[in-house]
Amino acid sequence: MKVDAHAMLHGPLFSRSLPLDRSNAASRISAYIYGNILVLAALVPVPAEEKHVGIAIVLGTTLSTFVAHIFAEAVGHSVRQGAQLTAADRWREVRNSVPILSSAVMPCVILMVGWMGWLEPRTAQLLAEVAVLVRIGGIVFVIGRLNRKPPSKGWLMSAAAITLVAVTVVLTKVLLTH
């Protein structure tokens, strides 16, 4: 079976005519949350100094998480299916892991602004951390849209709850590993 890499990587994400199926949407949401939590866990203990604003740490964490996630999901997929993955399955696992990469973009841009001297390094780090927390809480709106539910006040409470759980996970990781 020939794999259409362009359609696999771009079609479902950017096309309204091809809605994402629930399984792939769930995989991407899982990767999105996982990536953001690990980026936040990498950011929190980084010392905010003039020469060291954590960009390399965030990028390293993101890239290693991306590769590990693809590997883990591929192994899990092969166990669920009871067969070796096809090329299309491998591309799907790569595509479903891309939200992990997206989790580093905004924090790295903000940290770069600090590195260039436009913001104090500590301010840049705090803004990067807040940006990740907003991304984590904002997933509630994506999930609501996928479930075709109208926005409600409960969404804000859910966003706050998800953000609080993420902060708890990050603090636990930082306290146990640093």
C-alpha atoms as a PDB file:
ATOM      1  CA  MET A   1       0.000   0.000   0.000  1.00  0.00           C
ATOM      2  CA  LYS A   2       1.480   3.370  -1.052  1.00  0.00           C
ATOM      3  CA  VAL A   3       1.502   6.054   1.631  1.00  0.00           C
ATOM      4  CA  ASP A   4       0.488   9.581   0.663  1.00  0.00           C
ATOM      5  CA  ALA A   5       2.772  11.434   3.088  1.00  0.00           C
ATOM      6  CA  HIS A   6       1.278  14.840   2.281  1.00  0.00           C
ATOM      7  CA  ALA A   7      -2.275  13.690   2.961  1.00  0.00           C
ATOM      8  CA  MET A   8      -1.211  11.812   6.100  1.00  0.00           C
ATOM      9  CA  LEU A   9       0.683  14.772   7.542  1.00  0.00           C
ATOM     10  CA  HIS A  10      -1.556  17.629   6.401  1.00  0.00           C
ATOM     11  CA  GLY A  11      -4.980  16.442   5.332  1.00  0.00           C
ATOM     12  CA  PRO A  12      -6.860  15.739   8.544  1.00  0.00           C
ATOM     13  CA  LEU A  13      -5.293  18.632  10.447  1.00  0.00           C
ATOM     14  CA  PHE A  14      -6.028  21.437   8.001  1.00  0.00           C
ATOM     15  CA  SER A  15      -9.095  20.186   6.166  1.00  0.00           C
ATOM     16  CA  ARG A  16     -12.622  20.816   7.401  1.00  0.00           C
ATOM     17  CA  SER A  17     -13.985  18.362   4.831  1.00  0.00           C
ATOM     18  CA  LEU A  18     -12.088  15.470   6.464  1.00  0.00           C
ATOM     19  CA  PRO A  19     -12.944  15.427  10.160  1.00  0.00           C
ATOM     20  CA  LEU A  20     -10.424  13.710  12.383  1.00  0.00           C
ATOM     21  CA  ASP A  21     -11.676  10.394  13.734  1.00  0.00           C
ATOM     22  CA  ARG A  22     -11.994  10.057  17.517  1.00  0.00           C
ATOM     23  CA  SER A  23      -9.071   7.648  17.866  1.00  0.00           C
ATOM     24  CA  ASN A  24      -6.592   9.954  16.116  1.00  0.00           C
ATOM     25  CA  ALA A  25      -8.026  13.011  17.865  1.00  0.00           C
ATOM     26  CA  ALA A  26      -7.585  11.276  21.233  1.00  0.00           C
ATOM     27  CA  SER A  27      -4.000  10.334  20.356  1.00  0.00           C
ATOM     28  CA  ARG A  28      -3.202  13.906  19.380  1.00  0.00           C
ATOM     29  CA  ILE A  29      -4.831  15.361  22.485  1.00  0.00           C
ATOM     30  CA  SER A  30      -2.878  12.906  24.637  1.00  0.00           C
ATOM     31  CA  ALA A  31       0.377  13.893  22.899  1.00  0.00           C
ATOM     32  CA  TYR A  32      -0.510  17.584  23.247  1.00  0.00           C
ATOM     33  CA  ILE A  33      -1.071  17.343  26.991  1.00  0.00           C
ATOM     34  CA  TYR A  34       1.933  15.073  27.539  1.00  0.00           C
ATOM     35  CA  GLY A  35       4.224  17.374  25.556  1.00  0.00           C
ATOM     36  CA  ASN A  36       3.050  20.493  27.344  1.00  0.00           C
ATOM     37  CA  ILE A  37       3.432  18.945  30.788  1.00  0.00           C
ATOM     38  CA  LEU A  38       6.980  17.814  30.023  1.00  0.00           C
ATOM     39  CA  VAL A  39       7.915  21.215  28.558  1.00  0.00           C
ATOM     40  CA  LEU A  40       6.583  22.869  31.702  1.00  0.00           C
ATOM     41  CA  ALA A  41       8.478  20.387  33.872  1.00  0.00           C
ATOM     42  CA  ALA A  42      11.646  21.257  31.931  1.00  0.00           C
ATOM     43  CA  LEU A  43      11.053  25.008  32.276  1.00  0.00           C
ATOM     44  CA  VAL A  44      10.293  25.225  35.993  1.00  0.00           C
ATOM     45  CA  PRO A  45      13.717  24.256  37.423  1.00  0.00           C
ATOM     46  CA  VAL A  46      15.800  26.092  34.786  1.00  0.00           C
ATOM     47  CA  PRO A  47      17.843  28.938  36.295  1.00  0.00           C
ATOM     48  CA  ALA A  48      16.892  32.162  34.511  1.00  0.00           C
ATOM     49  CA  GLU A  49      20.221  33.844  33.871  1.00  0.00           C
ATOM     50  CA  GLU A  50      21.405  36.101  31.076  1.00  0.00           C
ATOM     51  CA  LYS A  51      23.286  33.334  29.261  1.00  0.00           C
ATOM     52  CA  HIS A  52      21.030  30.429  30.069  1.00  0.00           C
ATOM     53  CA  VAL A  53      17.320  30.771  29.418  1.00  0.00           C
ATOM     54  CA  GLY A  54      16.460  27.136  28.864  1.00  0.00           C
ATOM     55  CA  ILE A  55      15.834  27.033  25.117  1.00  0.00           C
ATOM     56  CA  ALA A  56      18.153  24.047  24.647  1.00  0.00           C
ATOM     57  CA  ILE A  57      16.570  22.237  27.587  1.00  0.00           C
ATOM     58  CA  VAL A  58      13.054  22.784  26.256  1.00  0.00           C
ATOM     59  CA  LEU A  59      14.045  21.707  22.741  1.00  0.00           C
ATOM     60  CA  GLY A  60      15.930  18.650  24.014  1.00  0.00           C
ATOM     61  CA  THR A  61      13.026  17.617  26.221  1.00  0.00           C
ATOM     62  CA  THR A  62      10.569  18.106  23.374  1.00  0.00           C
ATOM     63  CA  LEU A  63      12.560  16.200  20.763  1.00  0.00           C
ATOM     64  CA  SER A  64      13.339  13.278  23.071  1.00  0.00           C
ATOM     65  CA  THR A  65       9.699  13.121  24.185  1.00  0.00           C
ATOM     66  CA  PHE A  66       8.549  13.191  20.550  1.00  0.00           C
ATOM     67  CA  VAL A  67      10.781  10.268  19.586  1.00  0.00           C
ATOM     68  CA  ALA A  68       9.927   8.297  22.736  1.00  0.00           C
ATOM     69  CA  HIS A  69       6.211   8.894  22.212  1.00  0.00           C
ATOM     70  CA  ILE A  70       6.314   7.679  18.611  1.00  0.00           C
ATOM     71  CA  PHE A  71       8.204   4.571  19.694  1.00  0.00           C
ATOM     72  CA  ALA A  72       5.871   3.825  22.623  1.00  0.00           C
ATOM     73  CA  GLU A  73       2.709   4.415  20.610  1.00  0.00           C
ATOM     74  CA  ALA A  74       3.992   2.253  17.743  1.00  0.00           C
ATOM     75  CA  VAL A  75       4.759  -0.612  20.126  1.00  0.00           C
ATOM     76  CA  GLY A  76       1.367  -0.219  21.795  1.00  0.00           C
ATOM     77  CA  HIS A  77      -0.368  -0.078  18.424  1.00  0.00           C
ATOM     78  CA  SER A  78       1.340  -3.281  17.277  1.00  0.00           C
ATOM     79  CA  VAL A  79       0.220  -5.016  20.484  1.00  0.00           C
ATOM     80  CA  ARG A  80      -3.390  -3.797  20.059  1.00  0.00           C
ATOM     81  CA  GLN A  81      -3.460  -4.886  16.421  1.00  0.00           C
ATOM     82  CA  GLY A  82      -1.499  -8.100  16.939  1.00  0.00           C
ATOM     83  CA  ALA A  83       0.557  -7.358  13.834  1.00  0.00           C
ATOM     84  CA  GLN A  84       3.505  -5.382  12.596  1.00  0.00           C
ATOM     85  CA  LEU A  85       2.784  -1.744  11.726  1.00  0.00           C
ATOM     86  CA  THR A  86       2.291  -0.771   8.113  1.00  0.00           C
ATOM     87  CA  ALA A  87       3.918   2.325   6.624  1.00  0.00           C
ATOM     88  CA  ALA A  88       0.577   4.126   6.969  1.00  0.00           C
ATOM     89  CA  ASP A  89       0.404   3.148  10.651  1.00  0.00           C
ATOM     90  CA  ARG A  90       3.924   4.487  11.232  1.00  0.00           C
ATOM     91  CA  TRP A  91       3.069   7.790   9.531  1.00  0.00           C
ATOM     92  CA  ARG A  92      -0.095   8.030  11.623  1.00  0.00           C
ATOM     93  CA  GLU A  93       1.921   7.572  14.831  1.00  0.00           C
ATOM     94  CA  VAL A  94       4.364  10.263  13.703  1.00  0.00           C
ATOM     95  CA  ARG A  95       1.503  12.635  12.825  1.00  0.00           C
ATOM     96  CA  ASN A  96      -0.335  11.969  16.054  1.00  0.00           C
ATOM     97  CA  SER A  97       2.852  12.823  17.979  1.00  0.00           C
ATOM     98  CA  VAL A  98       3.384  16.218  16.298  1.00  0.00           C
ATOM     99  CA  PRO A  99       1.462  18.079  19.048  1.00  0.00           C
ATOM    100  CA  ILE A 100       4.420  17.282  21.301  1.00  0.00           C
ATOM    101  CA  LEU A 101       6.626  19.339  18.976  1.00  0.00           C
ATOM    102  CA  SER A 102       4.113  22.178  18.950  1.00  0.00           C
ATOM    103  CA  SER A 103       4.362  22.390  22.738  1.00  0.00           C
ATOM    104  CA  ALA A 104       7.886  23.853  22.456  1.00  0.00           C
ATOM    105  CA  VAL A 105       7.154  26.587  19.913  1.00  0.00           C
ATOM    106  CA  MET A 106       5.656  29.340  22.058  1.00  0.00           C
ATOM    107  CA  PRO A 107       7.911  28.790  25.092  1.00  0.00           C
ATOM    108  CA  CYS A 108      11.012  28.823  22.870  1.00  0.00           C
ATOM    109  CA  VAL A 109       9.893  32.012  21.104  1.00  0.00           C
ATOM    110  CA  ILE A 110       9.314  33.693  24.468  1.00  0.00           C
ATOM    111  CA  LEU A 111      12.656  32.449  25.815  1.00  0.00           C
ATOM    112  CA  MET A 112      14.357  33.690  22.645  1.00  0.00           C
ATOM    113  CA  VAL A 113      12.923  37.152  23.289  1.00  0.00           C
ATOM    114  CA  GLY A 114      14.502  36.981  26.748  1.00  0.00           C
ATOM    115  CA  TRP A 115      17.793  35.755  25.320  1.00  0.00           C
ATOM    116  CA  MET A 116      17.835  38.677  22.882  1.00  0.00           C
ATOM    117  CA  GLY A 117      17.429  41.073  25.805  1.00  0.00           C
ATOM    118  CA  TRP A 118      13.958  42.356  24.980  1.00  0.00           C
ATOM    119  CA  LEU A 119      12.669  40.879  28.251  1.00  0.00           C
ATOM    120  CA  GLU A 120      14.427  40.062  31.484  1.00  0.00           C
ATOM    121  CA  PRO A 121      15.307  36.337  31.453  1.00  0.00           C
ATOM    122  CA  ARG A 122      13.171  35.608  34.539  1.00  0.00           C
ATOM    123  CA  THR A 123      10.192  37.452  33.016  1.00  0.00           C
ATOM    124  CA  ALA A 124      10.616  35.503  29.788  1.00  0.00           C
ATOM    125  CA  GLN A 125      10.720  32.230  31.698  1.00  0.00           C
ATOM    126  CA  LEU A 126       7.591  33.076  33.678  1.00  0.00           C
ATOM    127  CA  LEU A 127       5.748  34.106  30.505  1.00  0.00           C
ATOM    128  CA  ALA A 128       6.821  30.858  28.831  1.00  0.00           C
ATOM    129  CA  GLU A 129       5.490  28.877  31.797  1.00  0.00           C
ATOM    130  CA  VAL A 130       2.190  30.773  31.731  1.00  0.00           C
ATOM    131  CA  ALA A 131       1.883  30.178  27.965  1.00  0.00           C
ATOM    132  CA  VAL A 132       2.225  26.427  28.525  1.00  0.00           C
ATOM    133  CA  LEU A 133      -0.358  26.491  31.315  1.00  0.00           C
ATOM    134  CA  VAL A 134      -2.801  28.343  29.042  1.00  0.00           C
ATOM    135  CA  ARG A 135      -2.202  25.735  26.326  1.00  0.00           C
ATOM    136  CA  ILE A 136      -2.910  22.922  28.787  1.00  0.00           C
ATOM    137  CA  GLY A 137      -6.118  24.501  30.077  1.00  0.00           C
ATOM    138  CA  GLY A 138      -7.192  25.467  26.570  1.00  0.00           C
ATOM    139  CA  ILE A 139      -7.429  21.837  25.492  1.00  0.00           C
ATOM    140  CA  VAL A 140     -10.853  21.770  27.174  1.00  0.00           C
ATOM    141  CA  PHE A 141     -12.170  23.973  24.362  1.00  0.00           C
ATOM    142  CA  VAL A 142     -10.767  21.633  21.716  1.00  0.00           C
ATOM    143  CA  ILE A 143     -12.330  18.631  23.422  1.00  0.00           C
ATOM    144  CA  GLY A 144     -15.680  20.445  23.696  1.00  0.00           C
ATOM    145  CA  ARG A 145     -15.569  21.290  20.015  1.00  0.00           C
ATOM    146  CA  LEU A 146     -14.750  17.682  19.113  1.00  0.00           C
ATOM    147  CA  ASN A 147     -17.747  16.594  21.168  1.00  0.00           C
ATOM    148  CA  ARG A 148     -19.876  19.206  19.353  1.00  0.00           C
ATOM    149  CA  LYS A 149     -20.935  20.847  22.608  1.00  0.00           C
ATOM    150  CA  PRO A 150     -21.553  24.573  22.947  1.00  0.00           C
ATOM    151  CA  PRO A 151     -19.165  26.487  25.238  1.00  0.00           C
ATOM    152  CA  SER A 152     -20.332  26.809  28.813  1.00  0.00           C
ATOM    153  CA  LYS A 153     -19.181  28.129  32.175  1.00  0.00           C
ATOM    154  CA  GLY A 154     -18.282  24.569  33.060  1.00  0.00           C
ATOM    155  CA  TRP A 155     -15.578  24.635  30.407  1.00  0.00           C
ATOM    156  CA  LEU A 156     -13.694  27.294  32.361  1.00  0.00           C
ATOM    157  CA  MET A 157     -13.930  25.197  35.522  1.00  0.00           C
ATOM    158  CA  SER A 158     -12.714  22.163  33.584  1.00  0.00           C
ATOM    159  CA  ALA A 159      -9.839  24.180  32.106  1.00  0.00           C
ATOM    160  CA  ALA A 160      -8.848  25.322  35.603  1.00  0.00           C
ATOM    161  CA  ALA A 161      -9.072  21.747  36.912  1.00  0.00           C
ATOM    162  CA  ILE A 162      -6.945  20.334  34.069  1.00  0.00           C
ATOM    163  CA  THR A 163      -4.396  23.095  34.588  1.00  0.00           C
ATOM    164  CA  LEU A 164      -4.294  22.383  38.323  1.00  0.00           C
ATOM    165  CA  VAL A 165      -3.747  18.670  37.708  1.00  0.00           C
ATOM    166  CA  ALA A 166      -0.965  19.509  35.238  1.00  0.00           C
ATOM    167  CA  VAL A 167       0.701  21.810  37.784  1.00  0.00           C
ATOM    168  CA  THR A 168       0.484  19.038  40.376  1.00  0.00           C
ATOM    169  CA  VAL A 169       2.111  16.567  37.987  1.00  0.00           C
ATOM    170  CA  VAL A 170       4.866  19.060  37.115  1.00  0.00           C
ATOM    171  CA  LEU A 171       5.562  19.920  40.758  1.00  0.00           C
ATOM    172  CA  THR A 172       5.695  16.227  41.638  1.00  0.00           C
ATOM    173  CA  LYS A 173       8.160  15.586  38.824  1.00  0.00           C
ATOM    174  CA  VAL A 174      10.322  18.567  39.722  1.00  0.00           C
ATOM    175  CA  LEU A 175      10.352  17.722  43.437  1.00  0.00           C
ATOM    176  CA  LEU A 176      11.197  14.063  42.829  1.00  0.00           C
ATOM    177  CA  THR A 177      13.796  14.565  40.113  1.00  0.00           C
ATOM    178  CA  HIS A 178      15.621  17.837  40.833  1.00  0.00           C
END
